Every structure is written in structure tokens, then in C-alpha cells.
C-alpha atoms as a PDB file:
ATOM      1  CA  MET A   1     180.655 233.445 -25.752  1.00  0.00           C
ATOM      2  CA  THR A   2     179.821 230.460 -23.600  1.00  0.00           C
ATOM      3  CA  ASP A   3     177.394 231.189 -20.761  1.00  0.00           C
ATOM      4  CA  ILE A   4     179.159 229.444 -17.895  1.00  0.00           C
ATOM      5  CA  ILE A   5     176.153 229.826 -15.579  1.00  0.00           C
ATOM      6  CA  LYS A   6     173.942 227.937 -18.031  1.00  0.00           C
ATOM      7  CA  ASP A   7     176.664 225.302 -18.309  1.00  0.00           C
ATOM      8  CA  MET A   8     176.731 224.901 -14.534  1.00  0.00           C
ATOM      9  CA  GLU A   9     172.949 224.642 -14.453  1.00  0.00           C
ATOM     10  CA  TRP A  10     173.189 221.915 -17.134  1.00  0.00           C
ATOM     11  CA  ARG A  11     175.669 219.761 -15.212  1.00  0.00           C
ATOM     12  CA  TYR A  12     174.760 217.242 -12.529  1.00  0.00           C
ATOM     13  CA  ALA A  13     176.412 214.271 -10.846  1.00  0.00           C
ATOM     14  CA  VAL A  14     175.826 211.646 -13.529  1.00  0.00           C
ATOM     15  CA  LYS A  15     174.435 208.344 -12.306  1.00  0.00           C
ATOM     16  CA  LYS A  16     174.695 206.518 -15.630  1.00  0.00           C
ATOM     17  CA  PHE A  17     177.093 207.110 -18.524  1.00  0.00           C
ATOM     18  CA  ASP A  18     176.701 206.018 -22.127  1.00  0.00           C
ATOM     19  CA  ALA A  19     179.523 203.470 -22.290  1.00  0.00           C
ATOM     20  CA  SER A  20     179.551 203.566 -26.105  1.00  0.00           C
ATOM     21  CA  LYS A  21     180.646 207.218 -26.259  1.00  0.00           C
ATOM     22  CA  GLU A  22     184.242 208.370 -25.906  1.00  0.00           C
ATOM     23  CA  ILE A  23     185.580 211.830 -25.169  1.00  0.00           C
ATOM     24  CA  GLU A  24     187.199 213.511 -28.154  1.00  0.00           C
ATOM     25  CA  ALA A  25     190.964 214.126 -27.871  1.00  0.00           C
ATOM     26  CA  PRO A  26     190.739 217.974 -28.046  1.00  0.00           C
ATOM     27  CA  LYS A  27     188.264 218.029 -25.161  1.00  0.00           C
ATOM     28  CA  LEU A  28     190.421 215.710 -23.078  1.00  0.00           C
ATOM     29  CA  ASP A  29     193.426 217.941 -23.770  1.00  0.00           C
ATOM     30  CA  ARG A  30     191.524 220.952 -22.405  1.00  0.00           C
ATOM     31  CA  ILE A  31     190.586 218.971 -19.306  1.00  0.00           C
ATOM     32  CA  LYS A  32     194.263 218.138 -18.704  1.00  0.00           C
ATOM     33  CA  LYS A  33     195.343 221.740 -19.275  1.00  0.00           C
ATOM     34  CA  ALA A  34     192.648 223.009 -16.911  1.00  0.00           C
ATOM     35  CA  PHE A  35     193.915 220.674 -14.215  1.00  0.00           C
ATOM     36  CA  ASN A  36     197.474 221.894 -14.690  1.00  0.00           C
ATOM     37  CA  LEU A  37     196.339 225.538 -14.559  1.00  0.00           C
ATOM     38  CA  THR A  38     194.421 225.102 -11.303  1.00  0.00           C
ATOM     39  CA  ALA A  39     195.480 227.513  -8.581  1.00  0.00           C
ATOM     40  CA  THR A  40     197.249 225.889  -5.627  1.00  0.00           C
ATOM     41  CA  SER A  41     198.617 227.235  -2.355  1.00  0.00           C
ATOM     42  CA  TYR A  42     201.973 228.961  -2.947  1.00  0.00           C
ATOM     43  CA  GLY A  43     201.812 227.633  -6.511  1.00  0.00           C
ATOM     44  CA  LEU A  44     203.493 224.417  -5.334  1.00  0.00           C
ATOM     45  CA  GLN A  45     201.132 222.012  -7.160  1.00  0.00           C
ATOM     46  CA  PRO A  46     201.386 219.090  -4.696  1.00  0.00           C
ATOM     47  CA  ILE A  47     198.863 217.179  -6.817  1.00  0.00           C
ATOM     48  CA  LYS A  48     198.807 214.952  -9.887  1.00  0.00           C
ATOM     49  CA  MET A  49     196.001 213.570 -12.016  1.00  0.00           C
ATOM     50  CA  VAL A  50     195.942 209.992 -13.278  1.00  0.00           C
ATOM     51  CA  VAL A  51     193.943 209.619 -16.513  1.00  0.00           C
ATOM     52  CA  LEU A  52     192.610 206.076 -16.769  1.00  0.00           C
ATOM     53  CA  LYS A  53     191.127 204.666 -19.979  1.00  0.00           C
ATOM     54  CA  ASN A  54     191.092 200.906 -19.577  1.00  0.00           C
ATOM     55  CA  LYS A  55     187.724 199.181 -19.340  1.00  0.00           C
ATOM     56  CA  GLU A  56     189.067 196.127 -17.517  1.00  0.00           C
ATOM     57  CA  LEU A  57     190.689 198.249 -14.812  1.00  0.00           C
ATOM     58  CA  GLN A  58     187.636 200.508 -14.670  1.00  0.00           C
ATOM     59  CA  LYS A  59     185.419 197.477 -14.002  1.00  0.00           C
ATOM     60  CA  GLN A  60     187.708 196.400 -11.179  1.00  0.00           C
ATOM     61  CA  LEU A  61     187.493 199.859  -9.632  1.00  0.00           C
ATOM     62  CA  VAL A  62     183.726 199.421  -9.226  1.00  0.00           C
ATOM     63  CA  ASP A  63     184.385 196.829  -6.505  1.00  0.00           C
ATOM     64  CA  TYR A  64     186.659 199.314  -4.736  1.00  0.00           C
ATOM     65  CA  SER A  65     184.104 202.136  -5.029  1.00  0.00           C
ATOM     66  CA  TYR A  66     181.070 200.670  -3.265  1.00  0.00           C
ATOM     67  CA  GLY A  67     179.516 199.399  -6.485  1.00  0.00           C
ATOM     68  CA  GLN A  68     179.348 202.712  -8.328  1.00  0.00           C
ATOM     69  CA  GLN A  69     178.890 201.575 -11.935  1.00  0.00           C
ATOM     70  CA  GLN A  70     179.793 204.971 -13.399  1.00  0.00           C
ATOM     71  CA  LEU A  71     183.438 203.952 -13.150  1.00  0.00           C
ATOM     72  CA  ALA A  72     182.953 201.081 -15.603  1.00  0.00           C
ATOM     73  CA  GLN A  73     180.704 203.082 -17.941  1.00  0.00           C
ATOM     74  CA  ALA A  74     182.725 206.297 -18.172  1.00  0.00           C
ATOM     75  CA  SER A  75     184.883 207.198 -21.149  1.00  0.00           C
ATOM     76  CA  HIS A  76     187.753 208.046 -18.787  1.00  0.00           C
ATOM     77  CA  VAL A  77     188.315 208.031 -15.041  1.00  0.00           C
ATOM     78  CA  LEU A  78     190.336 210.853 -13.512  1.00  0.00           C
ATOM     79  CA  ILE A  79     192.021 210.032 -10.217  1.00  0.00           C
ATOM     80  CA  LEU A  80     193.202 213.078  -8.307  1.00  0.00           C
ATOM     81  CA  CYS A  81     196.195 212.385  -6.088  1.00  0.00           C
ATOM     82  CA  ILE A  82     198.562 214.119  -3.705  1.00  0.00           C
ATOM     83  CA  GLU A  83     202.332 213.860  -3.768  1.00  0.00           C
ATOM     84  CA  ASN A  84     203.540 211.699  -0.883  1.00  0.00           C
ATOM     85  CA  LYS A  85     206.730 213.674  -0.350  1.00  0.00           C
ATOM     86  CA  ILE A  86     206.631 217.452   0.037  1.00  0.00           C
ATOM     87  CA  ASP A  87     209.961 218.482   1.530  1.00  0.00           C
ATOM     88  CA  ALA A  88     212.766 221.013   1.106  1.00  0.00           C
ATOM     89  CA  ASP A  89     213.899 219.400  -2.146  1.00  0.00           C
ATOM     90  CA  TYR A  90     210.376 219.586  -3.562  1.00  0.00           C
ATOM     91  CA  ILE A  91     210.059 223.261  -2.641  1.00  0.00           C
ATOM     92  CA  THR A  92     213.514 224.050  -4.014  1.00  0.00           C
ATOM     93  CA  GLY A  93     212.530 222.384  -7.288  1.00  0.00           C
ATOM     94  CA  TYR A  94     209.541 224.698  -7.578  1.00  0.00           C
ATOM     95  CA  PHE A  95     211.706 227.779  -7.155  1.00  0.00           C
ATOM     96  CA  LYS A  96     214.157 226.501  -9.755  1.00  0.00           C
ATOM     97  CA  LYS A  97     211.200 226.304 -12.143  1.00  0.00           C
ATOM     98  CA  VAL A  98     210.192 229.869 -11.294  1.00  0.00           C
ATOM     99  CA  LYS A  99     213.695 231.104 -12.049  1.00  0.00           C
ATOM    100  CA  GLU A 100     213.806 229.120 -15.299  1.00  0.00           C
ATOM    101  CA  ILE A 101     210.478 230.464 -16.568  1.00  0.00           C
ATOM    102  CA  ARG A 102     210.491 234.024 -15.220  1.00  0.00           C
ATOM    103  CA  GLY A 103     214.184 234.745 -14.826  1.00  0.00           C
ATOM    104  CA  THR A 104     213.582 236.032 -11.306  1.00  0.00           C
ATOM    105  CA  SER A 105     216.792 236.727  -9.407  1.00  0.00           C
ATOM    106  CA  ASP A 106     217.920 234.651  -6.433  1.00  0.00           C
ATOM    107  CA  SER A 107     217.842 237.762  -4.271  1.00  0.00           C
ATOM    108  CA  VAL A 108     214.066 237.862  -4.755  1.00  0.00           C
ATOM    109  CA  LEU A 109     213.398 234.114  -4.672  1.00  0.00           C
ATOM    110  CA  GLU A 110     215.640 232.965  -1.817  1.00  0.00           C
ATOM    111  CA  PRO A 111     213.809 234.723   1.059  1.00  0.00           C
ATOM    112  CA  PHE A 112     210.460 233.307  -0.059  1.00  0.00           C
ATOM    113  CA  LYS A 113     211.918 229.840  -0.631  1.00  0.00           C
ATOM    114  CA  ASN A 114     213.616 229.797   2.761  1.00  0.00           C
ATOM    115  CA  ALA A 115     210.419 230.942   4.472  1.00  0.00           C
ATOM    116  CA  LEU A 116     208.431 228.122   2.863  1.00  0.00           C
ATOM    117  CA  VAL A 117     211.058 225.504   3.705  1.00  0.00           C
ATOM    118  CA  SER A 118     211.010 226.721   7.296  1.00  0.00           C
ATOM    119  CA  GLU A 119     207.225 226.636   7.451  1.00  0.00           C
ATOM    120  CA  PHE A 120     206.923 223.128   6.039  1.00  0.00           C
ATOM    121  CA  THR A 121     209.719 221.836   8.285  1.00  0.00           C
ATOM    122  CA  LYS A 122     207.564 222.761  11.280  1.00  0.00           C
ATOM    123  CA  MET A 123     204.610 220.739   9.951  1.00  0.00           C
ATOM    124  CA  ASP A 124     204.205 217.021  10.595  1.00  0.00           C
ATOM    125  CA  ASN A 125     203.335 214.606   7.786  1.00  0.00           C
ATOM    126  CA  ASN A 126     199.608 214.613   8.571  1.00  0.00           C
ATOM    127  CA  GLN A 127     199.487 218.401   8.389  1.00  0.00           C
ATOM    128  CA  ILE A 128     201.296 218.428   5.055  1.00  0.00           C
ATOM    129  CA  ARG A 129     199.004 215.754   3.647  1.00  0.00           C
ATOM    130  CA  GLN A 130     195.939 217.693   4.777  1.00  0.00           C
ATOM    131  CA  TRP A 131     197.309 220.848   3.134  1.00  0.00           C
ATOM    132  CA  ALA A 132     197.955 218.930  -0.091  1.00  0.00           C
ATOM    133  CA  THR A 133     194.504 217.316   0.064  1.00  0.00           C
ATOM    134  CA  ASN A 134     192.910 220.768   0.222  1.00  0.00           C
ATOM    135  CA  GLN A 135     194.548 221.555  -3.116  1.00  0.00           C
ATOM    136  CA  VAL A 136     192.903 218.484  -4.681  1.00  0.00           C
ATOM    137  CA  TYR A 137     189.483 219.914  -3.862  1.00  0.00           C
ATOM    138  CA  LEU A 138     190.419 223.148  -5.634  1.00  0.00           C
ATOM    139  CA  ALA A 139     191.300 221.098  -8.699  1.00  0.00           C
ATOM    140  CA  MET A 140     188.054 219.110  -8.528  1.00  0.00           C
ATOM    141  CA  GLY A 141     185.990 222.294  -8.558  1.00  0.00           C
ATOM    142  CA  ASN A 142     187.954 223.565 -11.534  1.00  0.00           C
ATOM    143  CA  LEU A 143     187.491 220.289 -13.409  1.00  0.00           C
ATOM    144  CA  LEU A 144     183.733 220.231 -12.818  1.00  0.00           C
ATOM    145  CA  THR A 145     183.467 223.726 -14.273  1.00  0.00           C
ATOM    146  CA  ILE A 146     185.599 223.007 -17.344  1.00  0.00           C
ATOM    147  CA  CYS A 147     183.704 219.756 -17.949  1.00  0.00           C
ATOM    148  CA  ALA A 148     180.445 221.694 -17.920  1.00  0.00           C
ATOM    149  CA  ALA A 149     181.882 224.270 -20.325  1.00  0.00           C
ATOM    150  CA  GLU A 150     182.909 221.439 -22.654  1.00  0.00           C
ATOM    151  CA  GLN A 151     179.468 219.778 -22.323  1.00  0.00           C
ATOM    152  CA  LEU A 152     181.115 216.749 -20.763  1.00  0.00           C
ATOM    153  CA  ASP A 153     179.431 214.867 -17.966  1.00  0.00           C
ATOM    154  CA  ALA A 154     181.105 213.993 -14.692  1.00  0.00           C
ATOM    155  CA  CYS A 155     180.446 212.438 -11.308  1.00  0.00           C
ATOM    156  CA  PRO A 156     182.745 213.540  -8.454  1.00  0.00           C
ATOM    157  CA  MET A 157     183.407 210.764  -5.941  1.00  0.00           C
ATOM    158  CA  GLU A 158     184.828 210.589  -2.433  1.00  0.00           C
ATOM    159  CA  GLY A 159     183.395 207.114  -1.892  1.00  0.00           C
ATOM    160  CA  PHE A 160     186.191 204.717  -2.730  1.00  0.00           C
ATOM    161  CA  ILE A 161     188.843 202.642  -0.939  1.00  0.00           C
ATOM    162  CA  PRO A 162     192.183 204.416  -1.455  1.00  0.00           C
ATOM    163  CA  ASN A 163     194.505 201.542  -0.549  1.00  0.00           C
ATOM    164  CA  GLN A 164     192.801 199.245  -3.061  1.00  0.00           C
ATOM    165  CA  TYR A 165     193.074 201.872  -5.794  1.00  0.00           C
ATOM    166  CA  ASP A 166     196.731 202.184  -4.851  1.00  0.00           C
ATOM    167  CA  GLU A 167     197.258 198.441  -5.072  1.00  0.00           C
ATOM    168  CA  LEU A 168     195.486 198.038  -8.431  1.00  0.00           C
ATOM    169  CA  LEU A 169     197.092 201.056 -10.115  1.00  0.00           C
ATOM    170  CA  ASN A 170     200.436 200.946  -8.292  1.00  0.00           C
ATOM    171  CA  LEU A 171     200.124 204.583  -7.255  1.00  0.00           C
ATOM    172  CA  SER A 172     202.520 204.471  -4.296  1.00  0.00           C
ATOM    173  CA  SER A 173     205.349 203.514  -6.658  1.00  0.00           C
ATOM    174  CA  LYS A 174     204.673 206.836  -8.382  1.00  0.00           C
ATOM    175  CA  GLY A 175     204.841 208.667  -5.046  1.00  0.00           C
ATOM    176  CA  LEU A 176     201.094 209.299  -5.017  1.00  0.00           C
ATOM    177  CA  SER A 177     198.042 208.813  -2.793  1.00  0.00           C
ATOM    178  CA  PRO A 178     194.530 208.972  -4.325  1.00  0.00           C
ATOM    179  CA  VAL A 179     192.120 211.502  -2.823  1.00  0.00           C
ATOM    180  CA  LEU A 180     189.215 212.027  -5.237  1.00  0.00           C
ATOM    181  CA  VAL A 181     187.852 210.253  -8.302  1.00  0.00           C
ATOM    182  CA  LEU A 182     186.074 211.789 -11.306  1.00  0.00           C
ATOM    183  CA  PRO A 183     184.561 209.549 -13.987  1.00  0.00           C
ATOM    184  CA  ILE A 184     183.883 211.622 -17.123  1.00  0.00           C
ATOM    185  CA  GLY A 185     182.068 210.992 -20.387  1.00  0.00           C
ATOM    186  CA  TYR A 186     178.549 211.456 -21.736  1.00  0.00           C
ATOM    187  CA  ARG A 187     175.315 210.861 -19.869  1.00  0.00           C
ATOM    188  CA  ALA A 188     173.110 207.954 -20.864  1.00  0.00           C
ATOM    189  CA  GLU A 189     169.779 208.908 -22.415  1.00  0.00           C
ATOM    190  CA  ASP A 190     167.933 206.885 -19.776  1.00  0.00           C
ATOM    191  CA  ASP A 191     169.649 208.444 -16.753  1.00  0.00           C
ATOM    192  CA  ILE A 192     166.566 209.786 -14.995  1.00  0.00           C
ATOM    193  CA  PHE A 193     168.688 212.093 -12.830  1.00  0.00           C
ATOM    194  CA  ALA A 194     169.440 214.248 -15.883  1.00  0.00           C
ATOM    195  CA  GLY A 195     165.925 215.686 -15.749  1.00  0.00           C
ATOM    196  CA  PHE A 196     165.827 216.449 -12.034  1.00  0.00           C
ATOM    197  CA  LYS A 197     165.709 220.083 -10.974  1.00  0.00           C
ATOM    198  CA  LYS A 198     168.690 221.307  -8.964  1.00  0.00           C
ATOM    199  CA  VAL A 199     168.172 221.619  -5.234  1.00  0.00           C
ATOM    200  CA  ARG A 200     170.034 224.617  -3.875  1.00  0.00           C
ATOM    201  CA  ARG A 201     169.474 227.194  -1.155  1.00  0.00           C
ATOM    202  CA  ASP A 202     167.677 230.376  -2.120  1.00  0.00           C
ATOM    203  CA  MET A 203     170.238 233.047  -2.972  1.00  0.00           C
ATOM    204  CA  GLU A 204     169.315 235.129   0.073  1.00  0.00           C
ATOM    205  CA  ASN A 205     170.200 232.153   2.274  1.00  0.00           C
ATOM    206  CA  SER A 206     173.454 231.465   0.462  1.00  0.00           C
ATOM    207  CA  ILE A 207     175.015 234.896  -0.049  1.00  0.00           C
ATOM    208  CA  ILE A 208     175.845 237.399   2.694  1.00  0.00           C
ATOM    209  CA  TYR A 209     176.504 241.010   1.744  1.00  0.00           C
ATOM    210  CA  ILE A 210     178.657 243.304   3.881  1.00  0.00           C
ATOM    211  CA  SER A 211     179.049 246.932   2.852  1.00  0.00           C
END
């Protein structure tokens, strides 16, 4: 059995990828499945992941990411986005999917659906976008863990210019806004950061026990 703690100790935020190495299809499939299985608030999945494998576009993204070369070097770039429109129709669609998959009766689903529609109707667009953005961070954590388990390297990024990503990749036409970026691949042998010891709080300063 894989020792996930050792895998997490092995991972780090890669500063240089080996551009000659590509991720194998089975590993990429597990990454995609892990994203889709990520827990989200109410199960609504207000997020989508763009999988980019195009060296020319990846090179252009470097200019929109404060010069971070990992984007050009990586095997693939994952762009985690939120849905731009979360409304009553979106929520109703989720409950239709629940009924289709589980066969749950309307008498059980309708009260919950109506409560969610009511709750989201009271929220303004900024509040909904912030809620959706929170779900992206859940997905990022999940992806970092599954990448480590697959012995794939990754570098999570907040430092990029969203509107320029949108313009280059035409994300708004897909109803999406980019939130986080995750280049993935295999570390370069000469990435000196691979040998650095992790810097973390001592456990007694990180964990609080209440009994």
C-alpha cells in the first residue's frame, strides 16, 4: 500500500520541470478523476478544470504569470476555474442528476432544492463567486495529494493575470473564470529545490488537542 505521508514528504513546489518528459495517459486519467471526485459544498461542483497541453500556448502563459517558466516546461497545465453562473437553473440541474443516479423521490429532494435556491437567491454575485472560489481550493489540495501519490510533480500558482488567461484561452465563452493554476509533470534533475528540507511548524505548534 502506498504510504501517502511519505508521498507528501516527497512533493514540493517544483521550480523547474523536465520539458522532455510527458505524463502517461493512465496517470493523467487518475488526476482528472480525482478532480471530479473532489468534495464540494452541497455537492454542487461549481468548478471545472481546463487541461492544457500545447507548448505554444504554455509559453504565452509565462508572460501572464509573472515570468514563471514552469508553465512552459510542464507536461500539462491544469487551470482550475469557477462557473460564472450559479443560479436556480444550475441548482435544479444538480438535483435532476441526483434523481437520475440515485432514484431519490421528489418528496425528499424538493425541500432541499428549494432551500438551496432560496439561499443562493439571497446572495449577491460576489458572494456566490467567493463561495465557488473556496471550492477550487478544496480541489487544489486534492490534486496536490493525488499528484504526490502518482509520483507526479506540481507547482500550485495563484500568481497569474486572470483576464489575460481568459483572453488567450477564451474561458469566458465557456462560462468560466480562472482561479488557480497547476503545472504538472516531472521535476528536472537540476532543480536544486528538490533537495531542500521542508520547513513546517513543529507538530506541537500546529495541532491543538481538545478532550
